Full PDB file with SEQRES, HELIX, SHEET, SSBOND, CRYST1, ORIGX, SCALE, CONECT and MASTER records, all heavy atoms in Angstrom:
SEQRES   1 A   31  GLU ILE HIS VAL THR LEU GLU GLU ASP GLY SER CYS THR          
SEQRES   2 A   31  VAL GLN ASP ASN GLY ARG GLY ILE PRO VAL GLU MET HIS          
SEQRES   3 A   31  LYS LYS GLY VAL SER                                          
SHEET    1 AA1 2 ILE A   2  LEU A   6  0                                        
SHEET    2 AA1 2 CYS A  12  ASP A  16 -1                                        
CRYST1    1.000    1.000    1.000  90.00  90.00  90.00 P 1           1          
ORIGX1      1.000000  0.000000  0.000000        0.00000                         
ORIGX2      0.000000  1.000000  0.000000        0.00000                         
ORIGX3      0.000000  0.000000  1.000000        0.00000                         
SCALE1      1.000000  0.000000  0.000000        0.00000                         
SCALE2      0.000000  1.000000  0.000000        0.00000                         
SCALE3      0.000000  0.000000  1.000000        0.00000                         
ATOM      1  N   GLU A   1      78.003-144.885 -89.153  1.00  0.00           N  
ATOM      2  CA  GLU A   1      77.190-144.444 -88.022  1.00  0.00           C  
ATOM      3  C   GLU A   1      76.706-143.012 -88.222  1.00  0.00           C  
ATOM      4  O   GLU A   1      77.441-142.155 -88.718  1.00  0.00           O  
ATOM      5  CB  GLU A   1      77.987-144.493 -86.708  1.00  0.00           C  
ATOM      6  CG  GLU A   1      78.365-145.886 -86.256  1.00  0.00           C  
ATOM      7  CD  GLU A   1      79.090-145.859 -84.916  1.00  0.00           C  
ATOM      8  OE1 GLU A   1      79.259-144.752 -84.351  1.00  0.00           O  
ATOM      9  OE2 GLU A   1      79.485-146.938 -84.436  1.00  0.00           O  
ATOM     10  N   ILE A   2      75.449-142.782 -87.814  1.00  0.00           N  
ATOM     11  CA  ILE A   2      74.894-141.428 -87.793  1.00  0.00           C  
ATOM     12  C   ILE A   2      74.230-141.218 -86.429  1.00  0.00           C  
ATOM     13  O   ILE A   2      73.455-142.073 -85.981  1.00  0.00           O  
ATOM     14  CB  ILE A   2      73.862-141.210 -88.915  1.00  0.00           C  
ATOM     15  CG1 ILE A   2      74.483-141.459 -90.289  1.00  0.00           C  
ATOM     16  CG2 ILE A   2      73.281-139.798 -88.849  1.00  0.00           C  
ATOM     17  CD1 ILE A   2      73.475-141.405 -91.431  1.00  0.00           C  
ATOM     18  N   HIS A   3      74.540-140.120 -85.774  1.00  0.00           N  
ATOM     19  CA  HIS A   3      73.926-139.769 -84.493  1.00  0.00           C  
ATOM     20  C   HIS A   3      73.022-138.553 -84.707  1.00  0.00           C  
ATOM     21  O   HIS A   3      73.483-137.524 -85.212  1.00  0.00           O  
ATOM     22  CB  HIS A   3      75.001-139.439 -83.454  1.00  0.00           C  
ATOM     23  CG  HIS A   3      75.895-140.593 -83.123  1.00  0.00           C  
ATOM     24  ND1 HIS A   3      75.788-141.308 -81.949  1.00  0.00           N  
ATOM     25  CD2 HIS A   3      76.913-141.172 -83.817  1.00  0.00           C  
ATOM     26  CE1 HIS A   3      76.704-142.267 -81.931  1.00  0.00           C  
ATOM     27  NE2 HIS A   3      77.405-142.206 -83.058  1.00  0.00           N  
ATOM     28  N   VAL A   4      71.757-138.679 -84.322  1.00  0.00           N  
ATOM     29  CA  VAL A   4      70.795-137.576 -84.448  1.00  0.00           C  
ATOM     30  C   VAL A   4      70.247-137.267 -83.062  1.00  0.00           C  
ATOM     31  O   VAL A   4      69.673-138.145 -82.398  1.00  0.00           O  
ATOM     32  CB  VAL A   4      69.636-137.947 -85.403  1.00  0.00           C  
ATOM     33  CG1 VAL A   4      68.665-136.775 -85.526  1.00  0.00           C  
ATOM     34  CG2 VAL A   4      70.177-138.342 -86.774  1.00  0.00           C  
ATOM     35  N   THR A   5      70.423-136.027 -82.622  1.00  0.00           N  
ATOM     36  CA  THR A   5      70.022-135.642 -81.263  1.00  0.00           C  
ATOM     37  C   THR A   5      69.118-134.414 -81.309  1.00  0.00           C  
ATOM     38  O   THR A   5      69.469-133.398 -81.921  1.00  0.00           O  
ATOM     39  CB  THR A   5      71.253-135.325 -80.396  1.00  0.00           C  
ATOM     40  OG1 THR A   5      72.136-136.450 -80.404  1.00  0.00           O  
ATOM     41  CG2 THR A   5      70.833-135.021 -78.965  1.00  0.00           C  
ATOM     42  N   LEU A   6      67.961-134.511 -80.652  1.00  0.00           N  
ATOM     43  CA  LEU A   6      67.117-133.344 -80.415  1.00  0.00           C  
ATOM     44  C   LEU A   6      67.578-132.752 -79.089  1.00  0.00           C  
ATOM     45  O   LEU A   6      67.378-133.346 -78.027  1.00  0.00           O  
ATOM     46  CB  LEU A   6      65.640-133.747 -80.358  1.00  0.00           C  
ATOM     47  CG  LEU A   6      65.055-134.338 -81.638  1.00  0.00           C  
ATOM     48  CD1 LEU A   6      63.570-134.671 -81.443  1.00  0.00           C  
ATOM     49  CD2 LEU A   6      65.226-133.393 -82.821  1.00  0.00           C  
ATOM     50  N   GLU A   7      68.212-131.585 -79.158  1.00  0.00           N  
ATOM     51  CA  GLU A   7      68.844-130.994 -77.983  1.00  0.00           C  
ATOM     52  C   GLU A   7      67.812-130.336 -77.064  1.00  0.00           C  
ATOM     53  O   GLU A   7      66.707-129.983 -77.473  1.00  0.00           O  
ATOM     54  CB  GLU A   7      69.887-129.959 -78.402  1.00  0.00           C  
ATOM     55  CG  GLU A   7      70.937-130.475 -79.376  1.00  0.00           C  
ATOM     56  CD  GLU A   7      71.951-131.415 -78.728  1.00  0.00           C  
ATOM     57  OE1 GLU A   7      71.850-131.648 -77.498  1.00  0.00           O  
ATOM     58  OE2 GLU A   7      72.847-131.907 -79.450  1.00  0.00           O  
ATOM     59  N   GLU A   8      68.201-130.146 -75.824  1.00  0.00           N  
ATOM     60  CA  GLU A   8      67.312-129.558 -74.821  1.00  0.00           C  
ATOM     61  C   GLU A   8      66.902-128.128 -75.193  1.00  0.00           C  
ATOM     62  O   GLU A   8      65.810-127.680 -74.867  1.00  0.00           O  
ATOM     63  CB  GLU A   8      67.993-129.573 -73.450  1.00  0.00           C  
ATOM     64  CG  GLU A   8      67.100-129.160 -72.304  1.00  0.00           C  
ATOM     65  CD  GLU A   8      67.763-129.304 -70.946  1.00  0.00           C  
ATOM     66  OE1 GLU A   8      68.937-129.749 -70.909  1.00  0.00           O  
ATOM     67  OE2 GLU A   8      67.123-128.983 -69.936  1.00  0.00           O  
ATOM     68  N   ASP A   9      67.803-127.409 -75.886  1.00  0.00           N  
ATOM     69  CA  ASP A   9      67.495-126.025 -76.248  1.00  0.00           C  
ATOM     70  C   ASP A   9      66.629-125.903 -77.500  1.00  0.00           C  
ATOM     71  O   ASP A   9      66.360-124.788 -77.966  1.00  0.00           O  
ATOM     72  CB  ASP A   9      68.781-125.225 -76.435  1.00  0.00           C  
ATOM     73  CG  ASP A   9      69.632-125.725 -77.613  1.00  0.00           C  
ATOM     74  OD1 ASP A   9      69.223-126.715 -78.262  1.00  0.00           O  
ATOM     75  OD2 ASP A   9      70.688-125.123 -77.879  1.00  0.00           O  
ATOM     76  N   GLY A  10      66.184-127.041 -78.070  1.00  0.00           N  
ATOM     77  CA  GLY A  10      65.325-127.010 -79.250  1.00  0.00           C  
ATOM     78  C   GLY A  10      66.054-127.188 -80.559  1.00  0.00           C  
ATOM     79  O   GLY A  10      65.428-127.329 -81.606  1.00  0.00           O  
ATOM     80  N   SER A  11      67.387-127.169 -80.520  1.00  0.00           N  
ATOM     81  CA  SER A  11      68.162-127.360 -81.746  1.00  0.00           C  
ATOM     82  C   SER A  11      68.301-128.847 -82.055  1.00  0.00           C  
ATOM     83  O   SER A  11      67.859-129.708 -81.283  1.00  0.00           O  
ATOM     84  CB  SER A  11      69.552-126.726 -81.601  1.00  0.00           C  
ATOM     85  OG  SER A  11      70.316-127.409 -80.623  1.00  0.00           O  
ATOM     86  N   CYS A  12      68.902-129.151 -83.192  1.00  0.00           N  
ATOM     87  CA  CYS A  12      69.143-130.537 -83.592  1.00  0.00           C  
ATOM     88  C   CYS A  12      70.612-130.698 -83.980  1.00  0.00           C  
ATOM     89  O   CYS A  12      71.198-129.807 -84.599  1.00  0.00           O  
ATOM     90  CB  CYS A  12      68.255-130.917 -84.780  1.00  0.00           C  
ATOM     91  SG  CYS A  12      68.546-132.594 -85.404  1.00  0.00           S  
ATOM     92  N   THR A  13      71.177-131.842 -83.601  1.00  0.00           N  
ATOM     93  CA  THR A  13      72.557-132.143 -83.946  1.00  0.00           C  
ATOM     94  C   THR A  13      72.604-133.432 -84.759  1.00  0.00           C  
ATOM     95  O   THR A  13      71.994-134.432 -84.376  1.00  0.00           O  
ATOM     96  CB  THR A  13      73.431-132.310 -82.687  1.00  0.00           C  
ATOM     97  OG1 THR A  13      73.416-131.101 -81.936  1.00  0.00           O  
ATOM     98  CG2 THR A  13      74.871-132.645 -83.076  1.00  0.00           C  
ATOM     99  N   VAL A  14      73.303-133.398 -85.887  1.00  0.00           N  
ATOM    100  CA  VAL A  14      73.517-134.581 -86.722  1.00  0.00           C  
ATOM    101  C   VAL A  14      75.019-134.779 -86.866  1.00  0.00           C  
ATOM    102  O   VAL A  14      75.733-133.865 -87.289  1.00  0.00           O  
ATOM    103  CB  VAL A  14      72.868-134.425 -88.115  1.00  0.00           C  
ATOM    104  CG1 VAL A  14      73.143-135.666 -88.968  1.00  0.00           C  
ATOM    105  CG2 VAL A  14      71.368-134.187 -87.993  1.00  0.00           C  
ATOM    106  N   GLN A  15      75.503-135.959 -86.486  1.00  0.00           N  
ATOM    107  CA  GLN A  15      76.933-136.244 -86.543  1.00  0.00           C  
ATOM    108  C   GLN A  15      77.156-137.593 -87.217  1.00  0.00           C  
ATOM    109  O   GLN A  15      76.440-138.561 -86.948  1.00  0.00           O  
ATOM    110  CB  GLN A  15      77.528-136.257 -85.136  1.00  0.00           C  
ATOM    111  CG  GLN A  15      79.040-136.477 -85.107  1.00  0.00           C  
ATOM    112  CD  GLN A  15      79.622-136.267 -83.725  1.00  0.00           C  
ATOM    113  OE1 GLN A  15      78.921-135.862 -82.806  1.00  0.00           O  
ATOM    114  NE2 GLN A  15      80.906-136.519 -83.567  1.00  0.00           N  
ATOM    115  N   ASP A  16      78.140-137.669 -88.118  1.00  0.00           N  
ATOM    116  CA  ASP A  16      78.450-138.929 -88.792  1.00  0.00           C  
ATOM    117  C   ASP A  16      79.944-139.207 -88.711  1.00  0.00           C  
ATOM    118  O   ASP A  16      80.724-138.370 -88.242  1.00  0.00           O  
ATOM    119  CB  ASP A  16      77.975-138.902 -90.250  1.00  0.00           C  
ATOM    120  CG  ASP A  16      78.666-137.840 -91.086  1.00  0.00           C  
ATOM    121  OD1 ASP A  16      79.917-137.747 -91.018  1.00  0.00           O  
ATOM    122  OD2 ASP A  16      77.987-137.092 -91.825  1.00  0.00           O  
ATOM    123  N   ASN A  17      80.341-140.403 -89.147  1.00  0.00           N  
ATOM    124  CA  ASN A  17      81.758-140.748 -89.194  1.00  0.00           C  
ATOM    125  C   ASN A  17      82.229-140.914 -90.640  1.00  0.00           C  
ATOM    126  O   ASN A  17      83.007-141.797 -90.964  1.00  0.00           O  
ATOM    127  CB  ASN A  17      82.050-142.009 -88.369  1.00  0.00           C  
ATOM    128  CG  ASN A  17      81.357-143.257 -88.922  1.00  0.00           C  
ATOM    129  OD1 ASN A  17      80.458-143.159 -89.759  1.00  0.00           O  
ATOM    130  ND2 ASN A  17      81.768-144.432 -88.464  1.00  0.00           N  
ATOM    131  N   GLY A  18      81.722-140.034 -91.488  1.00  0.00           N  
ATOM    132  CA  GLY A  18      82.126-140.029 -92.893  1.00  0.00           C  
ATOM    133  C   GLY A  18      83.434-139.289 -93.102  1.00  0.00           C  
ATOM    134  O   GLY A  18      84.229-139.095 -92.169  1.00  0.00           O  
ATOM    135  N   ARG A  19      83.645-138.845 -94.314  1.00  0.00           N  
ATOM    136  CA  ARG A  19      84.918-138.207 -94.660  1.00  0.00           C  
ATOM    137  C   ARG A  19      85.032-136.771 -94.170  1.00  0.00           C  
ATOM    138  O   ARG A  19      86.120-136.197 -94.127  1.00  0.00           O  
ATOM    139  CB  ARG A  19      85.103-138.236 -96.189  1.00  0.00           C  
ATOM    140  CG  ARG A  19      85.335-139.615 -96.755  1.00  0.00           C  
ATOM    141  CD  ARG A  19      85.229-139.632 -98.264  1.00  0.00           C  
ATOM    142  NE  ARG A  19      83.859-139.415 -98.727  1.00  0.00           N  
ATOM    143  CZ  ARG A  19      83.478-139.499-100.000  1.00  0.00           C  
ATOM    144  NH1 ARG A  19      84.377-139.781-100.935  1.00  0.00           N  
ATOM    145  NH2 ARG A  19      82.219-139.305-100.334  1.00  0.00           N  
ATOM    146  N   GLY A  20      83.903-136.174 -93.818  1.00  0.00           N  
ATOM    147  CA  GLY A  20      83.915-134.775 -93.423  1.00  0.00           C  
ATOM    148  C   GLY A  20      83.803-133.868 -94.641  1.00  0.00           C  
ATOM    149  O   GLY A  20      84.351-134.173 -95.703  1.00  0.00           O  
ATOM    150  N   ILE A  21      83.104-132.749 -94.503  1.00  0.00           N  
ATOM    151  CA  ILE A  21      82.992-131.802 -95.615  1.00  0.00           C  
ATOM    152  C   ILE A  21      84.389-131.315 -95.994  1.00  0.00           C  
ATOM    153  O   ILE A  21      85.180-130.949 -95.116  1.00  0.00           O  
ATOM    154  CB  ILE A  21      82.109-130.603 -95.236  1.00  0.00           C  
ATOM    155  CG1 ILE A  21      80.716-131.063 -94.820  1.00  0.00           C  
ATOM    156  CG2 ILE A  21      82.003-129.615 -96.404  1.00  0.00           C  
ATOM    157  CD1 ILE A  21      79.843-129.943 -94.282  1.00  0.00           C  
ATOM    158  N   PRO A  22      84.747-131.290 -97.256  1.00  0.00           N  
ATOM    159  CA  PRO A  22      86.077-130.797 -97.657  1.00  0.00           C  
ATOM    160  C   PRO A  22      86.317-129.378 -97.151  1.00  0.00           C  
ATOM    161  O   PRO A  22      85.436-128.525 -97.206  1.00  0.00           O  
ATOM    162  CB  PRO A  22      86.020-130.845 -99.186  1.00  0.00           C  
ATOM    163  CG  PRO A  22      85.014-131.916 -99.494  1.00  0.00           C  
ATOM    164  CD  PRO A  22      83.982-131.809 -98.410  1.00  0.00           C  
ATOM    165  N   VAL A  23      87.514-129.130 -96.659  1.00  0.00           N  
ATOM    166  CA  VAL A  23      87.841-127.814 -96.090  1.00  0.00           C  
ATOM    167  C   VAL A  23      88.944-127.107 -96.879  1.00  0.00           C  
ATOM    168  O   VAL A  23      89.292-125.964 -96.582  1.00  0.00           O  
ATOM    169  CB  VAL A  23      88.282-127.957 -94.615  1.00  0.00           C  
ATOM    170  CG1 VAL A  23      87.144-128.482 -93.760  1.00  0.00           C  
ATOM    171  CG2 VAL A  23      89.500-128.881 -94.503  1.00  0.00           C  
ATOM    172  N   GLU A  24      89.479-127.804 -97.896  1.00  0.00           N  
ATOM    173  CA  GLU A  24      90.568-127.209 -98.665  1.00  0.00           C  
ATOM    174  C   GLU A  24      90.103-125.970 -99.432  1.00  0.00           C  
ATOM    175  O   GLU A  24      88.909-125.706 -99.547  1.00  0.00           O  
ATOM    176  CB  GLU A  24      91.144-128.244 -99.634  1.00  0.00           C  
ATOM    177  CG  GLU A  24      91.778-129.466 -98.961  1.00  0.00           C  
ATOM    178  CD  GLU A  24      90.743-130.466 -98.467  1.00  0.00           C  
ATOM    179  OE1 GLU A  24      89.588-130.440 -98.950  1.00  0.00           O  
ATOM    180  OE2 GLU A  24      91.080-131.268 -97.583  1.00  0.00           O  
ATOM    181  N   MET A  25      91.068-125.227 -99.975  1.00  0.00           N  
ATOM    182  CA  MET A  25      90.758-124.011-100.723  1.00  0.00           C  
ATOM    183  C   MET A  25      89.997-124.357-101.997  1.00  0.00           C  
ATOM    184  O   MET A  25      90.398-125.212-102.772  1.00  0.00           O  
ATOM    185  CB  MET A  25      92.042-123.265-101.082  1.00  0.00           C  
ATOM    186  CG  MET A  25      91.802-121.938-101.794  1.00  0.00           C  
ATOM    187  SD  MET A  25      91.020-120.700-100.716  1.00  0.00           S  
ATOM    188  CE  MET A  25      92.406-120.291 -99.637  1.00  0.00           C  
ATOM    189  N   HIS A  26      88.866-123.680-102.187  1.00  0.00           N  
ATOM    190  CA  HIS A  26      88.062-123.842-103.399  1.00  0.00           C  
ATOM    191  C   HIS A  26      88.483-122.784-104.416  1.00  0.00           C  
ATOM    192  O   HIS A  26      89.095-121.763-104.074  1.00  0.00           O  
ATOM    193  CB  HIS A  26      86.572-123.694-103.045  1.00  0.00           C  
ATOM    194  CG  HIS A  26      85.630-124.042-104.148  1.00  0.00           C  
ATOM    195  ND1 HIS A  26      85.169-123.114-105.050  1.00  0.00           N  
ATOM    196  CD2 HIS A  26      85.062-125.222-104.502  1.00  0.00           C  
ATOM    197  CE1 HIS A  26      84.348-123.708-105.907  1.00  0.00           C  
ATOM    198  NE2 HIS A  26      84.264-124.997-105.597  1.00  0.00           N  
ATOM    199  N   LYS A  27      88.164-123.027-105.664  1.00  0.00           N  
ATOM    200  CA  LYS A  27      88.542-122.063-106.703  1.00  0.00           C  
ATOM    201  C   LYS A  27      87.884-120.705-106.522  1.00  0.00           C  
ATOM    202  O   LYS A  27      88.319-119.711-107.125  1.00  0.00           O  
ATOM    203  CB  LYS A  27      88.227-122.626-108.093  1.00  0.00           C  
ATOM    204  CG  LYS A  27      86.774-122.969-108.328  1.00  0.00           C  
ATOM    205  CD  LYS A  27      86.589-123.651-109.674  1.00  0.00           C  
ATOM    206  CE  LYS A  27      85.149-124.052-109.916  1.00  0.00           C  
ATOM    207  NZ  LYS A  27      84.974-124.762-111.217  1.00  0.00           N  
ATOM    208  N   LYS A  28      86.845-120.643-105.654  1.00  0.00           N  
ATOM    209  CA  LYS A  28      86.236-119.351-105.360  1.00  0.00           C  
ATOM    210  C   LYS A  28      87.088-118.521-104.402  1.00  0.00           C  
ATOM    211  O   LYS A  28      86.759-117.370-104.117  1.00  0.00           O  
ATOM    212  CB  LYS A  28      84.831-119.563-104.757  1.00  0.00           C  
ATOM    213  CG  LYS A  28      83.754-119.871-105.784  1.00  0.00           C  
ATOM    214  CD  LYS A  28      82.398-119.996-105.112  1.00  0.00           C  
ATOM    215  CE  LYS A  28      81.273-120.077-106.126  1.00  0.00           C  
ATOM    216  NZ  LYS A  28      80.989-118.785-106.773  1.00  0.00           N  
ATOM    217  N   GLY A  29      88.166-119.119-103.879  1.00  0.00           N  
ATOM    218  CA  GLY A  29      89.069-118.363-103.027  1.00  0.00           C  
ATOM    219  C   GLY A  29      88.807-118.509-101.551  1.00  0.00           C  
ATOM    220  O   GLY A  29      89.427-117.809-100.738  1.00  0.00           O  
ATOM    221  N   VAL A  30      87.875-119.394-101.152  1.00  0.00           N  
ATOM    222  CA  VAL A  30      87.605-119.660 -99.736  1.00  0.00           C  
ATOM    223  C   VAL A  30      87.509-121.168 -99.542  1.00  0.00           C  
ATOM    224  O   VAL A  30      87.481-121.933-100.511  1.00  0.00           O  
ATOM    225  CB  VAL A  30      86.301-118.976 -99.254  1.00  0.00           C  
ATOM    226  CG1 VAL A  30      86.424-117.472 -99.309  1.00  0.00           C  
ATOM    227  CG2 VAL A  30      85.109-119.458-100.068  1.00  0.00           C  
ATOM    228  N   SER A  31      87.415-121.586 -98.278  1.00  0.00           N  
ATOM    229  CA  SER A  31      87.287-123.010 -97.957  1.00  0.00           C  
ATOM    230  C   SER A  31      86.080-123.621 -98.670  1.00  0.00           C  
ATOM    231  O   SER A  31      85.015-122.996 -98.773  1.00  0.00           O  
ATOM    232  CB  SER A  31      87.136-123.182 -96.446  1.00  0.00           C  
ATOM    233  OG  SER A  31      86.786-124.512 -96.131  1.00  0.00           O  
TER     234      SER A  31                                                      
MASTER        0    0    0    0    2    0    0    6  233    1    0    3          
END                                                                             
């Protein structure tokens, strides 16, 4: 599923039910 919303304030929201962007520590020293 993908949800795409044009918000009232002019912004856009895209939401999915995938794995999520990885948040673990990267070799660069940040998430």
